[in-house]
Amino acid sequence: MASRLSNHGFKVRFEILSNAGPDVRIAELPYRFATRSAGHSKMDRRVALQFLELLVAKATRAAIPLRLVCLVILGAAGLTLHMALLAAVLATGTEFAWAQASASVVTVIVNFSGNNLMTYRDQRLRD
């Protein structure tokens, strides 16, 4: 079973349960969390997104790489942004070459930032 476990994140219990056979026995042990006295929780939107990604990966048996899904979504958003910016700049009477260049620069910056935050967050250039 260890070879089927994902090395992404820290959702070990979910990984073990989703890869276990039908004969596995599960027992619930009650536990009461104490009030945190130091530090802070690692649970944030990023961790919730990672868990959602793990659910999708398990549901599709990793047939579609999640990085590809992020790239497609950001690529489509970038194309939409580029076309909207191009139309807006052209509407001001700017020459096509300048409109195209300005829309391209803005779109490249936005897509790079989006890919740095979402698609390649595990290899991010900076926090």
Protein backbone atom coordinates (compact mmCIF):
# COMPACT_ATOMS: atom_id res chain seq x y z
CA MET A 1 0.00 0.00 0.00
CA ALA A 2 2.89 2.38 0.69
CA SER A 3 3.68 2.70 -3.03
CA ARG A 4 0.15 4.07 -3.67
CA LEU A 5 0.40 6.84 -1.05
CA SER A 6 0.81 10.40 -2.25
CA ASN A 7 3.81 12.37 -1.06
CA HIS A 8 1.84 15.63 -1.38
CA GLY A 9 0.74 17.30 1.85
CA PHE A 10 0.14 15.77 5.23
CA LYS A 11 -3.26 14.06 4.92
CA VAL A 12 -1.90 10.68 5.86
CA ARG A 13 -5.09 9.25 7.36
CA PHE A 14 -7.09 10.05 4.21
CA GLU A 15 -4.36 8.49 2.07
CA ILE A 16 -4.28 5.30 4.11
CA LEU A 17 -8.08 4.94 4.20
CA SER A 18 -8.52 5.65 0.48
CA ASN A 19 -5.88 3.07 -0.44
CA ALA A 20 -6.90 0.41 2.08
CA GLY A 21 -8.80 -2.66 0.96
CA PRO A 22 -12.44 -3.33 1.83
CA ASP A 23 -11.51 -5.57 4.75
CA VAL A 24 -9.82 -2.81 6.75
CA ARG A 25 -11.32 -2.16 10.18
CA ILE A 26 -11.71 1.42 11.35
CA ALA A 27 -12.22 2.46 14.96
CA GLU A 28 -12.95 5.95 16.21
CA LEU A 29 -11.18 7.09 19.35
CA PRO A 30 -12.59 10.21 21.02
CA TYR A 31 -10.17 13.09 21.44
CA ARG A 32 -10.73 16.58 22.78
CA PHE A 33 -8.38 19.27 21.48
CA ALA A 34 -7.01 21.67 24.04
CA THR A 35 -6.87 25.41 23.43
CA ARG A 36 -3.76 26.30 21.48
CA SER A 37 -1.21 27.92 23.79
CA ALA A 38 1.53 28.68 21.25
CA GLY A 39 2.04 28.86 17.51
CA HIS A 40 -0.68 28.86 14.90
CA SER A 41 -2.60 26.40 12.77
CA LYS A 42 -1.28 25.39 9.36
CA MET A 43 -4.86 25.14 8.09
CA ASP A 44 -5.51 27.84 5.52
CA ARG A 45 -7.00 28.18 2.03
CA ARG A 46 -3.93 26.60 0.47
CA VAL A 47 -4.25 23.47 2.63
CA ALA A 48 -7.98 23.27 1.85
CA LEU A 49 -7.16 23.52 -1.88
CA GLN A 50 -4.54 20.78 -1.54
CA PHE A 51 -7.13 18.55 0.11
CA LEU A 52 -9.62 19.26 -2.68
CA GLU A 53 -6.92 18.40 -5.22
CA LEU A 54 -6.24 15.14 -3.38
CA LEU A 55 -9.96 14.27 -3.50
CA VAL A 56 -10.05 14.94 -7.25
CA ALA A 57 -6.88 12.91 -7.81
CA LYS A 58 -8.29 9.97 -5.89
CA ALA A 59 -11.69 10.21 -7.62
CA THR A 60 -10.10 10.22 -11.09
CA ARG A 61 -7.35 7.76 -10.11
CA ALA A 62 -4.87 10.49 -11.07
CA ALA A 63 -5.89 10.18 -14.74
CA ILE A 64 -5.71 13.97 -15.13
CA PRO A 65 -2.67 15.64 -13.55
CA LEU A 66 -3.78 18.49 -11.31
CA ARG A 67 -0.94 20.66 -12.54
CA LEU A 68 -2.42 20.34 -16.04
CA VAL A 69 -5.84 21.41 -14.77
CA CYS A 70 -4.29 24.51 -13.15
CA LEU A 71 -2.34 25.32 -16.32
CA VAL A 72 -5.48 25.04 -18.48
CA ILE A 73 -7.55 27.21 -16.13
CA LEU A 74 -4.86 29.88 -15.89
CA GLY A 75 -4.19 29.72 -19.62
CA ALA A 76 -7.87 30.27 -20.43
CA ALA A 77 -8.04 33.13 -17.92
CA GLY A 78 -4.89 34.64 -19.46
CA LEU A 79 -6.32 34.44 -22.97
CA THR A 80 -9.55 36.09 -21.81
CA LEU A 81 -7.60 38.82 -20.00
CA HIS A 82 -5.36 39.41 -23.01
CA MET A 83 -8.27 39.75 -25.43
CA ALA A 84 -10.16 42.10 -23.07
CA LEU A 85 -7.08 44.28 -22.55
CA LEU A 86 -6.33 44.32 -26.26
CA ALA A 87 -9.89 45.41 -27.07
CA ALA A 88 -9.82 48.08 -24.35
CA VAL A 89 -6.49 49.54 -25.49
CA LEU A 90 -7.51 49.44 -29.16
CA ALA A 91 -10.70 51.29 -28.24
CA THR A 92 -8.56 54.23 -27.10
CA GLY A 93 -7.19 54.61 -30.64
CA THR A 94 -3.77 53.11 -29.92
CA GLU A 95 -1.95 51.40 -32.78
CA PHE A 96 -2.35 47.62 -32.86
CA ALA A 97 1.35 46.90 -32.21
CA TRP A 98 1.38 49.01 -29.03
CA ALA A 99 -1.98 47.63 -27.88
CA GLN A 100 -0.77 44.07 -28.44
CA ALA A 101 2.51 44.72 -26.62
CA SER A 102 0.85 46.31 -23.59
CA ALA A 103 -1.83 43.59 -23.33
CA SER A 104 0.89 40.93 -23.65
CA VAL A 105 3.08 42.42 -20.92
CA VAL A 106 0.20 42.65 -18.45
CA THR A 107 -1.03 39.15 -19.29
CA VAL A 108 2.44 37.61 -18.94
CA ILE A 109 2.86 39.19 -15.50
CA VAL A 110 -0.59 38.05 -14.33
CA ASN A 111 -0.14 34.50 -15.68
CA PHE A 112 3.35 34.20 -14.22
CA SER A 113 2.05 35.30 -10.81
CA GLY A 114 -0.92 32.92 -11.05
CA ASN A 115 1.28 29.99 -12.02
CA ASN A 116 3.73 30.85 -9.25
CA LEU A 117 0.89 30.88 -6.70
CA MET A 118 -1.28 28.01 -7.94
CA THR A 119 0.27 25.66 -10.47
CA TYR A 120 3.81 25.56 -9.10
CA ARG A 121 3.13 26.52 -5.46
CA ASP A 122 5.32 23.64 -4.28
CA GLN A 123 8.24 25.09 -6.31
CA ARG A 124 7.36 28.74 -5.73
CA LEU A 125 10.05 31.35 -6.31
CA ARG A 126 9.18 33.17 -3.07
CA ASP A 127 6.47 33.22 -0.39
